[in-house]
Structure formats: C-alpha cells, structure tokens
Amino acid sequence: MNQMNAQQLAMYQQMMQQAAPPAGGMQQMRPQLNQQQMMMVLQQQQQAQAQAQAIQQQQQAQHQAANIQAQRQRMMLLQQQQQQQQQQQQAQAASQQQAQALAQQRLQAANRLDRPSLVESNDSYEQIDSFSHRDLAISRFRLNHDLLADVFSPYHIKQYTPPEPHYGNEDIPRLQGKLAELEKETSQIPEKHDTQVRDWHSSFEKLQTASS
C-alpha cells in the first residue's frame, strides 16, 4: 500500500520526460526532485486512505458492538417482562386458590354445624359394638375436626354448651359462712392497725422519757 507499483512509476517517468526541458544541469535535477515530491504525495495519499479505512473498520466494529449490546439489552428486558408476567400470574393463581379454599372451608364449617355425629346418632351405647375401630377413629377425628372448625369459625357456634359450675347448690351455705368470716377479718384490720400504731407511739414516748 505504501509503495508505488511499476506501472504507476513508468507512467510518471514518461510524463516527466515529456514535460522536462532539454538543457542544463539544473533542468536535469528538476525531474528527479519532482519525482520524489510526487512519490511523497502518493505515499501521503496512500497513508490517508489506509487511515480512513482503519477508521471505517473501527467505526463498523463499534457499530456492530453497539448492535450486539442493544440486542442483549432487549433480550434481558424481554426476559424480565416474561418473569414479571409469570410472577403476576402465579400470584393471581395463588390468591384465587386461597380464596377458593377459604370459601370451601367456610361452607364446610357451615354445613358441619348441628350435624349429628356417628356416636350421637345412636339411641343406645350398646350399638357401639357394631362399629369397627376404624369407624370409631373416623368419628372421633370428625368430632375433633368439627370442634376446631367451630372454635375458629367466624360464624356463631351452635354446638357449644357452657360448662357446669365448679360449686353446686349444697356448697352455698359453706361459701356464705366463709365469706362472713373474711368480711369480719377485713373489718377488724383497721382496728388492729390503730392499736399497733398506738403501741408504737407509747413505746417511742417511753424511750424518749428514759433518754432525757
């Protein structure tokens, strides 16, 4: 690229011979100087072309790299959008399943209220022998499950029965007597306190009199 080929050099020499005057030592040196200048000009042009080609190749490489980076960014953006859509769909599906499960639990809890159990449906406990251990276990499990459903259900509990009182009617006189004793002791507390305070004051006065 930086050197002239033979054809260009021959054409240049022919042009210089036709244009050169036929006399003088200085006139013979001018074609050589012009030839060197022309070669320098051609070399500079070739260097400029090479630099332009290098710049163009560099620009093309930068453009290709920018295109590749833009494609990667677009792919990443598409993947993020797809992931967000999948997450939204999963969240919606989970919320729908949760709502359906909650509605089903409420419906089951409402249906279980006031439902007779396996044992309660029998008129006599003698008929329990006709059931297997598996039936009794299932019945017990259902009773426990129904109880938990009633406890944690937002609806009114109809199967709940209040517990019996800890004390019966026969304990009322005994409890009343104990209450009277406690009230009497409570009423005597201020009098005992005053007596104790008077004793302390008298003791202090005696100590002061003895010390003086």
N, C-alpha and C. Protein backbone atom coordinates (compact mmCIF):
# COMPACT_ATOMS: atom_id res chain seq x y z
N MET A 1 0.82 -1.20 0.00
CA MET A 1 0.00 0.00 0.00
C MET A 1 0.86 1.26 0.00
N ASN A 2 2.00 1.30 0.76
CA ASN A 2 2.82 2.50 0.88
C ASN A 2 3.85 2.64 -0.26
N GLN A 3 3.97 1.67 -1.17
CA GLN A 3 4.92 1.72 -2.28
C GLN A 3 4.17 1.81 -3.61
N MET A 4 4.78 2.55 -4.60
CA MET A 4 4.17 2.68 -5.93
C MET A 4 4.44 1.40 -6.73
N ASN A 5 3.47 0.99 -7.51
CA ASN A 5 3.68 -0.16 -8.36
C ASN A 5 4.47 0.24 -9.61
N ALA A 6 4.89 -0.71 -10.40
CA ALA A 6 5.76 -0.45 -11.56
C ALA A 6 5.04 0.33 -12.64
N GLN A 7 3.77 0.07 -12.86
CA GLN A 7 3.03 0.75 -13.92
C GLN A 7 2.88 2.23 -13.61
N GLN A 8 2.55 2.57 -12.34
CA GLN A 8 2.41 3.98 -11.97
C GLN A 8 3.75 4.70 -12.10
N LEU A 9 4.85 4.04 -11.71
CA LEU A 9 6.16 4.66 -11.81
C LEU A 9 6.56 4.91 -13.27
N ALA A 10 6.26 3.97 -14.16
CA ALA A 10 6.60 4.14 -15.58
C ALA A 10 5.81 5.28 -16.20
N MET A 11 4.53 5.36 -15.86
CA MET A 11 3.71 6.45 -16.40
C MET A 11 4.21 7.78 -15.88
N TYR A 12 4.58 7.82 -14.62
CA TYR A 12 5.07 9.08 -14.05
C TYR A 12 6.38 9.51 -14.72
N GLN A 13 7.30 8.57 -14.96
CA GLN A 13 8.56 8.90 -15.62
C GLN A 13 8.34 9.38 -17.05
N GLN A 14 7.41 8.77 -17.78
CA GLN A 14 7.12 9.20 -19.14
C GLN A 14 6.56 10.61 -19.16
N MET A 15 5.68 10.93 -18.20
CA MET A 15 5.13 12.28 -18.14
C MET A 15 6.21 13.29 -17.81
N MET A 16 7.11 12.95 -16.93
CA MET A 16 8.17 13.87 -16.55
C MET A 16 9.15 14.08 -17.69
N GLN A 17 9.45 13.05 -18.49
CA GLN A 17 10.35 13.20 -19.64
C GLN A 17 9.74 14.10 -20.70
N GLN A 18 8.44 13.99 -20.94
CA GLN A 18 7.78 14.83 -21.93
C GLN A 18 7.73 16.29 -21.48
N ALA A 19 7.58 16.51 -20.19
CA ALA A 19 7.45 17.88 -19.70
C ALA A 19 8.79 18.52 -19.41
N ALA A 20 9.90 17.79 -19.32
CA ALA A 20 11.20 18.34 -18.93
C ALA A 20 11.85 19.08 -20.10
N PRO A 21 12.53 20.24 -19.88
CA PRO A 21 13.28 20.95 -20.93
C PRO A 21 14.57 20.21 -21.28
N PRO A 22 15.12 20.38 -22.48
CA PRO A 22 16.27 19.59 -22.93
C PRO A 22 17.61 20.20 -22.59
N ALA A 23 17.80 21.02 -21.56
CA ALA A 23 19.11 21.64 -21.34
C ALA A 23 19.34 21.88 -19.88
N GLY A 24 20.70 21.99 -19.54
CA GLY A 24 21.14 22.45 -18.23
C GLY A 24 21.19 21.37 -17.18
N GLY A 25 22.19 21.54 -16.25
CA GLY A 25 22.30 20.58 -15.15
C GLY A 25 21.17 20.71 -14.17
N MET A 26 20.73 21.98 -13.97
CA MET A 26 19.61 22.21 -13.04
C MET A 26 18.34 21.63 -13.62
N GLN A 27 18.19 21.71 -14.96
CA GLN A 27 16.99 21.17 -15.59
C GLN A 27 16.97 19.65 -15.50
N GLN A 28 18.16 19.01 -15.44
CA GLN A 28 18.19 17.55 -15.29
C GLN A 28 17.85 17.11 -13.87
N MET A 29 18.12 17.98 -12.85
CA MET A 29 17.82 17.63 -11.46
C MET A 29 16.35 17.83 -11.13
N ARG A 30 15.68 18.75 -11.86
CA ARG A 30 14.28 19.04 -11.53
C ARG A 30 13.37 17.82 -11.69
N PRO A 31 13.49 17.02 -12.76
CA PRO A 31 12.62 15.83 -12.83
C PRO A 31 12.81 14.88 -11.66
N GLN A 32 14.06 14.77 -11.16
CA GLN A 32 14.28 13.89 -10.01
C GLN A 32 13.59 14.44 -8.76
N LEU A 33 13.72 15.78 -8.55
CA LEU A 33 13.03 16.38 -7.39
C LEU A 33 11.52 16.25 -7.52
N ASN A 34 11.02 16.54 -8.71
CA ASN A 34 9.56 16.41 -8.90
C ASN A 34 9.10 14.97 -8.71
N GLN A 35 9.96 14.03 -9.15
CA GLN A 35 9.62 12.61 -8.97
C GLN A 35 9.55 12.25 -7.48
N GLN A 36 10.50 12.74 -6.68
CA GLN A 36 10.48 12.46 -5.24
C GLN A 36 9.26 13.09 -4.58
N GLN A 37 8.97 14.34 -4.97
CA GLN A 37 7.79 15.01 -4.40
C GLN A 37 6.51 14.26 -4.76
N MET A 38 6.45 13.81 -6.01
CA MET A 38 5.25 13.07 -6.44
C MET A 38 5.12 11.77 -5.66
N MET A 39 6.24 11.11 -5.44
CA MET A 39 6.20 9.86 -4.68
C MET A 39 5.76 10.11 -3.24
N MET A 40 6.24 11.22 -2.64
CA MET A 40 5.83 11.57 -1.28
C MET A 40 4.34 11.87 -1.23
N VAL A 41 3.85 12.58 -2.26
CA VAL A 41 2.41 12.89 -2.30
C VAL A 41 1.60 11.62 -2.41
N LEU A 42 2.05 10.70 -3.28
CA LEU A 42 1.32 9.44 -3.43
C LEU A 42 1.36 8.62 -2.13
N GLN A 43 2.52 8.63 -1.46
CA GLN A 43 2.62 7.91 -0.19
C GLN A 43 1.69 8.51 0.86
N GLN A 44 1.62 9.85 0.89
CA GLN A 44 0.72 10.50 1.84
C GLN A 44 -0.74 10.16 1.54
N GLN A 45 -1.08 10.12 0.24
CA GLN A 45 -2.45 9.75 -0.13
C GLN A 45 -2.76 8.32 0.29
N GLN A 46 -1.78 7.43 0.06
CA GLN A 46 -2.00 6.03 0.45
C GLN A 46 -2.14 5.90 1.97
N GLN A 47 -1.31 6.65 2.72
CA GLN A 47 -1.42 6.62 4.17
C GLN A 47 -2.78 7.15 4.64
N ALA A 48 -3.22 8.25 3.97
CA ALA A 48 -4.54 8.80 4.32
C ALA A 48 -5.64 7.80 4.03
N GLN A 49 -5.53 7.10 2.87
CA GLN A 49 -6.53 6.07 2.56
C GLN A 49 -6.51 4.94 3.58
N ALA A 50 -5.28 4.54 3.98
CA ALA A 50 -5.18 3.47 4.97
C ALA A 50 -5.78 3.89 6.31
N GLN A 51 -5.51 5.13 6.72
CA GLN A 51 -6.09 5.63 7.97
C GLN A 51 -7.61 5.70 7.88
N ALA A 52 -8.10 6.16 6.71
CA ALA A 52 -9.55 6.23 6.54
C ALA A 52 -10.18 4.85 6.60
N GLN A 53 -9.52 3.86 5.96
CA GLN A 53 -10.03 2.50 6.02
C GLN A 53 -10.01 1.96 7.45
N ALA A 54 -8.93 2.27 8.20
CA ALA A 54 -8.85 1.81 9.59
C ALA A 54 -9.94 2.44 10.45
N ILE A 55 -10.16 3.75 10.22
CA ILE A 55 -11.23 4.43 10.98
C ILE A 55 -12.59 3.85 10.63
N GLN A 56 -12.79 3.58 9.33
CA GLN A 56 -14.07 3.00 8.90
C GLN A 56 -14.28 1.62 9.51
N GLN A 57 -13.21 0.80 9.51
CA GLN A 57 -13.32 -0.52 10.13
C GLN A 57 -13.60 -0.42 11.63
N GLN A 58 -12.93 0.55 12.29
CA GLN A 58 -13.18 0.74 13.73
C GLN A 58 -14.61 1.17 14.00
N GLN A 59 -15.11 2.08 13.15
CA GLN A 59 -16.50 2.51 13.30
C GLN A 59 -17.47 1.36 13.07
N GLN A 60 -17.17 0.54 12.06
CA GLN A 60 -18.03 -0.62 11.81
C GLN A 60 -18.02 -1.58 13.00
N ALA A 61 -16.82 -1.79 13.58
CA ALA A 61 -16.73 -2.69 14.74
C ALA A 61 -17.50 -2.12 15.93
N GLN A 62 -17.38 -0.79 16.15
CA GLN A 62 -18.13 -0.17 17.24
C GLN A 62 -19.63 -0.26 17.00
N HIS A 63 -20.03 -0.06 15.73
CA HIS A 63 -21.45 -0.16 15.41
C HIS A 63 -21.97 -1.58 15.65
N GLN A 64 -21.18 -2.58 15.24
CA GLN A 64 -21.59 -3.96 15.49
C GLN A 64 -21.67 -4.26 16.98
N ALA A 65 -20.67 -3.76 17.76
CA ALA A 65 -20.71 -3.99 19.21
C ALA A 65 -21.92 -3.32 19.84
N ALA A 66 -22.24 -2.10 19.36
CA ALA A 66 -23.43 -1.41 19.90
C ALA A 66 -24.70 -2.18 19.56
N ASN A 67 -24.77 -2.72 18.35
CA ASN A 67 -25.95 -3.51 17.97
C ASN A 67 -26.07 -4.76 18.83
N ILE A 68 -24.93 -5.42 19.07
CA ILE A 68 -24.96 -6.63 19.91
C ILE A 68 -25.40 -6.30 21.32
N GLN A 69 -24.86 -5.18 21.88
CA GLN A 69 -25.25 -4.77 23.22
C GLN A 69 -26.73 -4.42 23.29
N ALA A 70 -27.22 -3.72 22.25
CA ALA A 70 -28.65 -3.38 22.23
C ALA A 70 -29.51 -4.63 22.16
N GLN A 71 -29.09 -5.62 21.36
CA GLN A 71 -29.84 -6.87 21.28
C GLN A 71 -29.86 -7.59 22.63
N ARG A 72 -28.71 -7.60 23.32
CA ARG A 72 -28.66 -8.23 24.65
C ARG A 72 -29.58 -7.52 25.63
N GLN A 73 -29.56 -6.19 25.60
CA GLN A 73 -30.44 -5.44 26.50
C GLN A 73 -31.91 -5.72 26.19
N ARG A 74 -32.24 -5.80 24.90
CA ARG A 74 -33.63 -6.12 24.54
C ARG A 74 -34.02 -7.51 25.02
N MET A 75 -33.09 -8.47 24.87
CA MET A 75 -33.37 -9.83 25.34
C MET A 75 -33.56 -9.85 26.86
N MET A 76 -32.69 -9.13 27.59
CA MET A 76 -32.83 -9.08 29.05
C MET A 76 -34.14 -8.43 29.46
N LEU A 77 -34.52 -7.35 28.75
CA LEU A 77 -35.78 -6.69 29.06
C LEU A 77 -36.97 -7.61 28.80
N LEU A 78 -36.91 -8.35 27.70
CA LEU A 78 -37.98 -9.30 27.41
C LEU A 78 -38.05 -10.40 28.46
N GLN A 79 -36.90 -10.90 28.89
CA GLN A 79 -36.89 -11.92 29.93
C GLN A 79 -37.45 -11.39 31.24
N GLN A 80 -37.09 -10.15 31.62
CA GLN A 80 -37.63 -9.56 32.84
C GLN A 80 -39.14 -9.40 32.74
N GLN A 81 -39.62 -8.94 31.58
CA GLN A 81 -41.06 -8.80 31.40
C GLN A 81 -41.77 -10.15 31.50
N GLN A 82 -41.17 -11.18 30.90
CA GLN A 82 -41.77 -12.51 30.98
C GLN A 82 -41.79 -13.02 32.42
N GLN A 83 -40.68 -12.79 33.16
CA GLN A 83 -40.64 -13.21 34.56
C GLN A 83 -41.68 -12.47 35.39
N GLN A 84 -41.83 -11.16 35.16
CA GLN A 84 -42.84 -10.40 35.89
C GLN A 84 -44.24 -10.90 35.57
N GLN A 85 -44.50 -11.19 34.30
CA GLN A 85 -45.81 -11.72 33.94
C GLN A 85 -46.06 -13.07 34.60
N GLN A 86 -45.03 -13.93 34.61
CA GLN A 86 -45.19 -15.23 35.27
C GLN A 86 -45.44 -15.07 36.76
N GLN A 87 -44.71 -14.15 37.41
CA GLN A 87 -44.91 -13.93 38.84
C GLN A 87 -46.31 -13.39 39.11
N GLN A 88 -46.78 -12.46 38.27
CA GLN A 88 -48.13 -11.94 38.45
C GLN A 88 -49.17 -13.04 38.27
N GLN A 89 -48.97 -13.87 37.26
CA GLN A 89 -49.91 -14.97 37.04
C GLN A 89 -49.90 -15.95 38.21
N GLN A 90 -48.70 -16.26 38.72
CA GLN A 90 -48.62 -17.16 39.87
C GLN A 90 -49.28 -16.56 41.10
N ALA A 91 -49.06 -15.24 41.31
CA ALA A 91 -49.68 -14.58 42.47
C ALA A 91 -51.20 -14.58 42.34
N GLN A 92 -51.70 -14.30 41.14
CA GLN A 92 -53.15 -14.33 40.93
C GLN A 92 -53.71 -15.73 41.14
N ALA A 93 -53.00 -16.73 40.62
CA ALA A 93 -53.48 -18.10 40.81
C ALA A 93 -53.47 -18.50 42.28
N ALA A 94 -52.41 -18.08 43.01
CA ALA A 94 -52.34 -18.40 44.44
C ALA A 94 -53.44 -17.71 45.22
N SER A 95 -53.71 -16.43 44.88
CA SER A 95 -54.79 -15.72 45.58
C SER A 95 -56.15 -16.34 45.27
N GLN A 96 -56.35 -16.76 44.03
CA GLN A 96 -57.61 -17.42 43.68
C GLN A 96 -57.76 -18.74 44.42
N GLN A 97 -56.68 -19.52 44.47
CA GLN A 97 -56.75 -20.79 45.19
C GLN A 97 -57.01 -20.57 46.68
N GLN A 98 -56.37 -19.55 47.24
CA GLN A 98 -56.59 -19.26 48.66
C GLN A 98 -58.02 -18.83 48.92
N ALA A 99 -58.56 -17.99 48.02
CA ALA A 99 -59.94 -17.55 48.19
C ALA A 99 -60.90 -18.74 48.06
N GLN A 100 -60.64 -19.62 47.09
CA GLN A 100 -61.49 -20.79 46.92
C GLN A 100 -61.41 -21.72 48.14
N ALA A 101 -60.19 -21.91 48.65
CA ALA A 101 -60.03 -22.77 49.83
C ALA A 101 -60.74 -22.17 51.04
N LEU A 102 -60.64 -20.84 51.21
CA LEU A 102 -61.32 -20.20 52.33
C LEU A 102 -62.83 -20.31 52.20
N ALA A 103 -63.34 -20.11 50.98
CA ALA A 103 -64.78 -20.24 50.78
C ALA A 103 -65.24 -21.68 51.03
N GLN A 104 -64.43 -22.64 50.59
CA GLN A 104 -64.78 -24.05 50.82
C GLN A 104 -64.76 -24.39 52.31
N GLN A 105 -63.78 -23.85 53.04
CA GLN A 105 -63.73 -24.10 54.48
C GLN A 105 -64.93 -23.49 55.19
N ARG A 106 -65.30 -22.29 54.79
CA ARG A 106 -66.48 -21.66 55.40
C ARG A 106 -67.74 -22.47 55.10
N LEU A 107 -67.84 -22.94 53.86
CA LEU A 107 -69.01 -23.74 53.50
C LEU A 107 -69.05 -25.04 54.29
N GLN A 108 -67.90 -25.69 54.42
CA GLN A 108 -67.85 -26.92 55.19
C GLN A 108 -68.15 -26.68 56.66
N ALA A 109 -67.64 -25.55 57.20
CA ALA A 109 -67.93 -25.23 58.60
C ALA A 109 -69.41 -24.97 58.81
N ALA A 110 -70.04 -24.29 57.85
CA ALA A 110 -71.47 -24.03 57.97
C ALA A 110 -72.28 -25.32 57.85
N ASN A 111 -71.82 -26.23 56.99
CA ASN A 111 -72.54 -27.49 56.84
C ASN A 111 -72.36 -28.42 58.03
N ARG A 112 -71.23 -28.27 58.73
CA ARG A 112 -70.97 -29.15 59.87
C ARG A 112 -71.72 -28.74 61.13
N LEU A 113 -72.23 -27.53 61.18
CA LEU A 113 -72.95 -27.08 62.37
C LEU A 113 -74.22 -27.90 62.55
N ASP A 114 -74.46 -28.30 63.78
CA ASP A 114 -75.66 -29.07 64.14
C ASP A 114 -75.74 -30.41 63.41
N ARG A 115 -74.64 -30.95 62.96
CA ARG A 115 -74.66 -32.25 62.29
C ARG A 115 -74.44 -33.34 63.32
N PRO A 116 -75.29 -34.31 63.43
CA PRO A 116 -75.11 -35.37 64.43
C PRO A 116 -73.91 -36.23 64.07
N SER A 117 -73.21 -36.65 65.10
CA SER A 117 -72.04 -37.49 64.89
C SER A 117 -72.45 -38.95 64.83
N LEU A 118 -71.46 -39.79 64.61
CA LEU A 118 -71.73 -41.22 64.47
C LEU A 118 -72.22 -41.82 65.78
N VAL A 119 -71.61 -41.39 66.90
CA VAL A 119 -71.99 -41.94 68.19
C VAL A 119 -73.27 -41.31 68.69
N GLU A 120 -73.43 -39.99 68.47
CA GLU A 120 -74.62 -39.31 68.96
C GLU A 120 -75.89 -39.76 68.23
N SER A 121 -75.75 -40.31 67.02
CA SER A 121 -76.93 -40.74 66.29
C SER A 121 -77.51 -42.04 66.84
N ASN A 122 -76.76 -42.74 67.69
CA ASN A 122 -77.24 -43.99 68.26
C ASN A 122 -78.10 -43.70 69.49
N ASP A 123 -79.18 -44.43 69.61
CA ASP A 123 -80.06 -44.28 70.77
C ASP A 123 -79.48 -44.97 71.99
N SER A 124 -78.66 -45.95 71.78
CA SER A 124 -78.10 -46.70 72.89
C SER A 124 -76.62 -46.92 72.64
N TYR A 125 -75.83 -46.87 73.73
CA TYR A 125 -74.40 -47.10 73.59
C TYR A 125 -74.09 -48.57 73.34
N GLU A 126 -75.07 -49.43 73.47
CA GLU A 126 -74.82 -50.84 73.18
C GLU A 126 -74.58 -51.08 71.70
N GLN A 127 -75.08 -50.15 70.87
CA GLN A 127 -74.89 -50.32 69.43
C GLN A 127 -73.48 -49.94 68.97
N ILE A 128 -72.68 -49.40 69.88
CA ILE A 128 -71.32 -49.02 69.51
C ILE A 128 -70.51 -50.25 69.11
N ASP A 129 -70.84 -51.42 69.70
CA ASP A 129 -70.10 -52.63 69.39
C ASP A 129 -70.24 -53.04 67.94
N SER A 130 -71.28 -52.54 67.27
CA SER A 130 -71.48 -52.92 65.87
C SER A 130 -70.53 -52.17 64.94
N PHE A 131 -69.83 -51.17 65.46
CA PHE A 131 -68.89 -50.41 64.64
C PHE A 131 -67.47 -50.92 64.88
N SER A 132 -66.65 -50.76 63.87
CA SER A 132 -65.26 -51.19 63.97
C SER A 132 -64.41 -50.07 64.60
N HIS A 133 -63.17 -50.41 64.90
CA HIS A 133 -62.25 -49.42 65.45
C HIS A 133 -61.99 -48.29 64.44
N ARG A 134 -62.00 -48.65 63.19
CA ARG A 134 -61.77 -47.63 62.16
C ARG A 134 -62.93 -46.63 62.13
N ASP A 135 -64.17 -47.13 62.25
CA ASP A 135 -65.33 -46.24 62.27
C ASP A 135 -65.28 -45.31 63.48
N LEU A 136 -64.90 -45.86 64.63
CA LEU A 136 -64.81 -45.03 65.83
C LEU A 136 -63.70 -43.98 65.69
N ALA A 137 -62.58 -44.39 65.10
CA ALA A 137 -61.48 -43.43 64.91
C ALA A 137 -61.89 -42.31 63.95
N ILE A 138 -62.60 -42.69 62.89
CA ILE A 138 -63.07 -41.68 61.94
C ILE A 138 -64.06 -40.74 62.61
N SER A 139 -64.96 -41.31 63.42
CA SER A 139 -65.94 -40.48 64.13
C SER A 139 -65.25 -39.52 65.09
N ARG A 140 -64.26 -40.02 65.82
CA ARG A 140 -63.53 -39.15 66.76
C ARG A 140 -62.78 -38.05 66.01
N PHE A 141 -62.17 -38.43 64.90
CA PHE A 141 -61.46 -37.42 64.11
C PHE A 141 -62.42 -36.35 63.61
N ARG A 142 -63.59 -36.77 63.15
CA ARG A 142 -64.55 -35.79 62.65
C ARG A 142 -65.06 -34.89 63.77
N LEU A 143 -65.28 -35.47 64.93
CA LEU A 143 -65.73 -34.65 66.06
C LEU A 143 -64.68 -33.61 66.43
N ASN A 144 -63.43 -34.05 66.51
CA ASN A 144 -62.36 -33.09 66.83
C ASN A 144 -62.21 -32.03 65.75
N HIS A 145 -62.30 -32.47 64.51
CA HIS A 145 -62.18 -31.52 63.41
C HIS A 145 -63.34 -30.53 63.41
N ASP A 146 -64.54 -31.03 63.68
CA ASP A 146 -65.70 -30.14 63.75
C ASP A 146 -65.56 -29.16 64.90
N LEU A 147 -65.02 -29.63 66.02
CA LEU A 147 -64.85 -28.74 67.16
C LEU A 147 -63.86 -27.62 66.83
N LEU A 148 -62.75 -27.99 66.21
CA LEU A 148 -61.78 -26.96 65.82
C LEU A 148 -62.37 -26.00 64.80
N ALA A 149 -63.15 -26.54 63.87
CA ALA A 149 -63.79 -25.67 62.88
C ALA A 149 -64.77 -24.72 63.54
N ASP A 150 -65.49 -25.21 64.56
CA ASP A 150 -66.43 -24.34 65.27
C ASP A 150 -65.71 -23.28 66.09
N VAL A 151 -64.58 -23.66 66.68
CA VAL A 151 -63.85 -22.70 67.51
C VAL A 151 -63.28 -21.57 66.67
N PHE A 152 -62.70 -21.91 65.53
CA PHE A 152 -62.05 -20.90 64.70
C PHE A 152 -62.95 -20.38 63.59
N SER A 153 -64.20 -20.76 63.59
CA SER A 153 -65.12 -20.29 62.57
C SER A 153 -65.64 -18.90 62.93
N PRO A 154 -65.81 -18.00 61.93
CA PRO A 154 -66.35 -16.68 62.24
C PRO A 154 -67.86 -16.70 62.49
N TYR A 155 -68.50 -17.82 62.23
CA TYR A 155 -69.94 -17.90 62.42
C TYR A 155 -70.27 -18.27 63.88
N HIS A 156 -71.53 -18.14 64.19
CA HIS A 156 -71.97 -18.42 65.55
C HIS A 156 -71.88 -19.92 65.84
N ILE A 157 -71.33 -20.24 66.98
CA ILE A 157 -71.18 -21.64 67.38
C ILE A 157 -72.48 -22.10 68.04
N LYS A 158 -73.11 -23.08 67.43
CA LYS A 158 -74.38 -23.58 67.96
C LYS A 158 -74.21 -24.84 68.81
N GLN A 159 -73.14 -25.57 68.58
CA GLN A 159 -72.95 -26.81 69.32
C GLN A 159 -72.28 -26.61 70.67
N TYR A 160 -71.88 -25.40 70.99
CA TYR A 160 -71.17 -25.16 72.25
C TYR A 160 -72.14 -25.18 73.42
N THR A 161 -71.79 -25.90 74.45
CA THR A 161 -72.59 -25.93 75.68
C THR A 161 -71.74 -25.40 76.81
N PRO A 162 -72.24 -24.49 77.62
CA PRO A 162 -71.44 -23.92 78.71
C PRO A 162 -71.10 -24.99 79.74
N PRO A 163 -69.94 -24.92 80.34
CA PRO A 163 -69.54 -25.93 81.34
C PRO A 163 -70.35 -25.79 82.62
N GLU A 164 -70.43 -26.87 83.37
CA GLU A 164 -71.14 -26.84 84.64
C GLU A 164 -70.35 -26.05 85.67
N PRO A 165 -71.01 -25.40 86.61
CA PRO A 165 -70.30 -24.63 87.63
C PRO A 165 -69.45 -25.53 88.52
N HIS A 166 -68.39 -24.97 89.03
CA HIS A 166 -67.48 -25.74 89.87
C HIS A 166 -68.10 -26.07 91.23
N TYR A 167 -68.96 -25.20 91.71
CA TYR A 167 -69.62 -25.41 93.00
C TYR A 167 -71.10 -25.69 92.77
N GLY A 168 -71.64 -26.61 93.57
CA GLY A 168 -73.05 -26.92 93.47
C GLY A 168 -73.89 -26.14 94.47
N ASN A 169 -75.19 -26.42 94.48
CA ASN A 169 -76.08 -25.71 95.40
C ASN A 169 -75.80 -26.06 96.86
N GLU A 170 -75.28 -27.26 97.12
CA GLU A 170 -75.02 -27.66 98.50
C GLU A 170 -73.82 -26.92 99.09
N ASP A 171 -73.00 -26.31 98.25
CA ASP A 171 -71.84 -25.57 98.74
C ASP A 171 -72.16 -24.12 99.07
N ILE A 172 -73.36 -23.66 98.81
CA ILE A 172 -73.69 -22.24 99.01
C ILE A 172 -73.60 -21.85 100.48
N PRO A 173 -74.18 -22.60 101.47
CA PRO A 173 -74.06 -22.19 102.88
C PRO A 173 -72.62 -22.13 103.36
N ARG A 174 -71.82 -23.12 102.95
CA ARG A 174 -70.43 -23.12 103.38
C ARG A 174 -69.69 -21.90 102.82
N LEU A 175 -69.96 -21.57 101.58
CA LEU A 175 -69.30 -20.42 100.97
C LEU A 175 -69.76 -19.11 101.61
N GLN A 176 -71.06 -19.05 101.99
CA GLN A 176 -71.55 -17.84 102.66
C GLN A 176 -70.90 -17.66 104.03
N GLY A 177 -70.74 -18.78 104.78
CA GLY A 177 -70.07 -18.69 106.08
C GLY A 177 -68.62 -18.23 105.95
N LYS A 178 -67.94 -18.76 104.96
CA LYS A 178 -66.55 -18.35 104.73
C LYS A 178 -66.47 -16.88 104.34
N LEU A 179 -67.44 -16.42 103.56
CA LEU A 179 -67.47 -15.01 103.17
C LEU A 179 -67.68 -14.11 104.38
N ALA A 180 -68.57 -14.55 105.32
CA ALA A 180 -68.80 -13.75 106.53
C ALA A 180 -67.54 -13.66 107.38
N GLU A 181 -66.81 -14.78 107.50
CA GLU A 181 -65.56 -14.76 108.27
C GLU A 181 -64.54 -13.80 107.64
N LEU A 182 -64.43 -13.84 106.34
CA LEU A 182 -63.48 -12.96 105.66
C LEU A 182 -63.88 -11.49 105.81
N GLU A 183 -65.19 -11.21 105.76
CA GLU A 183 -65.63 -9.83 105.94
C GLU A 183 -65.36 -9.34 107.36
N LYS A 184 -65.54 -10.24 108.35
CA LYS A 184 -65.26 -9.87 109.74
C LYS A 184 -63.77 -9.58 109.92
N GLU A 185 -62.92 -10.44 109.35
CA GLU A 185 -61.48 -10.20 109.45
C GLU A 185 -61.09 -8.90 108.76
N THR A 186 -61.72 -8.62 107.65
CA THR A 186 -61.42 -7.38 106.94
C THR A 186 -61.83 -6.16 107.74
N SER A 187 -62.99 -6.24 108.41
CA SER A 187 -63.44 -5.10 109.22
C SER A 187 -62.56 -4.88 110.45
N GLN A 188 -61.90 -5.94 110.96
CA GLN A 188 -61.04 -5.81 112.13
C GLN A 188 -59.63 -5.30 111.78
N ILE A 189 -59.29 -5.27 110.53
CA ILE A 189 -57.95 -4.83 110.13
C ILE A 189 -57.67 -3.38 110.53
N PRO A 190 -58.57 -2.40 110.29
CA PRO A 190 -58.27 -1.01 110.71
C PRO A 190 -58.09 -0.87 112.22
N GLU A 191 -58.94 -1.59 112.99
CA GLU A 191 -58.82 -1.51 114.45
C GLU A 191 -57.46 -2.06 114.91
N LYS A 192 -57.05 -3.19 114.34
CA LYS A 192 -55.74 -3.75 114.69
C LYS A 192 -54.61 -2.79 114.32
N HIS A 193 -54.78 -2.14 113.21
CA HIS A 193 -53.75 -1.20 112.76
C HIS A 193 -53.64 -0.01 113.72
N ASP A 194 -54.79 0.53 114.13
CA ASP A 194 -54.77 1.65 115.07
C ASP A 194 -54.14 1.25 116.40
N THR A 195 -54.48 0.06 116.88
CA THR A 195 -53.91 -0.42 118.15
C THR A 195 -52.40 -0.56 118.04
N GLN A 196 -51.93 -1.08 116.94
CA GLN A 196 -50.49 -1.24 116.74
C GLN A 196 -49.79 0.12 116.67
N VAL A 197 -50.43 1.08 116.04
CA VAL A 197 -49.83 2.42 115.95
C VAL A 197 -49.75 3.07 117.33
N ARG A 198 -50.81 2.92 118.14
CA ARG A 198 -50.79 3.48 119.50
C ARG A 198 -49.70 2.84 120.34
N ASP A 199 -49.52 1.53 120.20
CA ASP A 199 -48.46 0.85 120.94
C ASP A 199 -47.08 1.39 120.55
N TRP A 200 -46.88 1.63 119.28
CA TRP A 200 -45.60 2.16 118.82
C TRP A 200 -45.34 3.57 119.38
N HIS A 201 -46.39 4.39 119.38
CA HIS A 201 -46.23 5.76 119.90
C HIS A 201 -45.88 5.74 121.40
N SER A 202 -46.56 4.88 122.12
CA SER A 202 -46.28 4.81 123.57
C SER A 202 -44.86 4.31 123.82
N SER A 203 -44.41 3.36 123.00
CA SER A 203 -43.04 2.86 123.15
C SER A 203 -42.03 3.95 122.84
N PHE A 204 -42.28 4.74 121.83
CA PHE A 204 -41.37 5.84 121.50
C PHE A 204 -41.33 6.89 122.61
N GLU A 205 -42.51 7.19 123.17
CA GLU A 205 -42.54 8.18 124.26
C GLU A 205 -41.76 7.69 125.48
N LYS A 206 -41.90 6.40 125.78
CA LYS A 206 -41.15 5.85 126.92
C LYS A 206 -39.65 5.93 126.67
N LEU A 207 -39.23 5.64 125.46
CA LEU A 207 -37.81 5.71 125.14
C LEU A 207 -37.28 7.14 125.24
N GLN A 208 -38.08 8.10 124.78
CA GLN A 208 -37.66 9.50 124.88
C GLN A 208 -37.57 9.96 126.33
N THR A 209 -38.54 9.52 127.16
CA THR A 209 -38.52 9.91 128.58
C THR A 209 -37.31 9.31 129.28
N ALA A 210 -37.00 8.07 128.96
CA ALA A 210 -35.87 7.41 129.60
C ALA A 210 -34.54 8.05 129.18
N SER A 211 -34.44 8.46 127.93
CA SER A 211 -33.20 9.08 127.45
C SER A 211 -32.98 10.48 128.00
N SER A 212 -34.07 11.19 128.28
CA SER A 212 -33.95 12.55 128.84
C SER A 212 -33.64 12.50 130.33
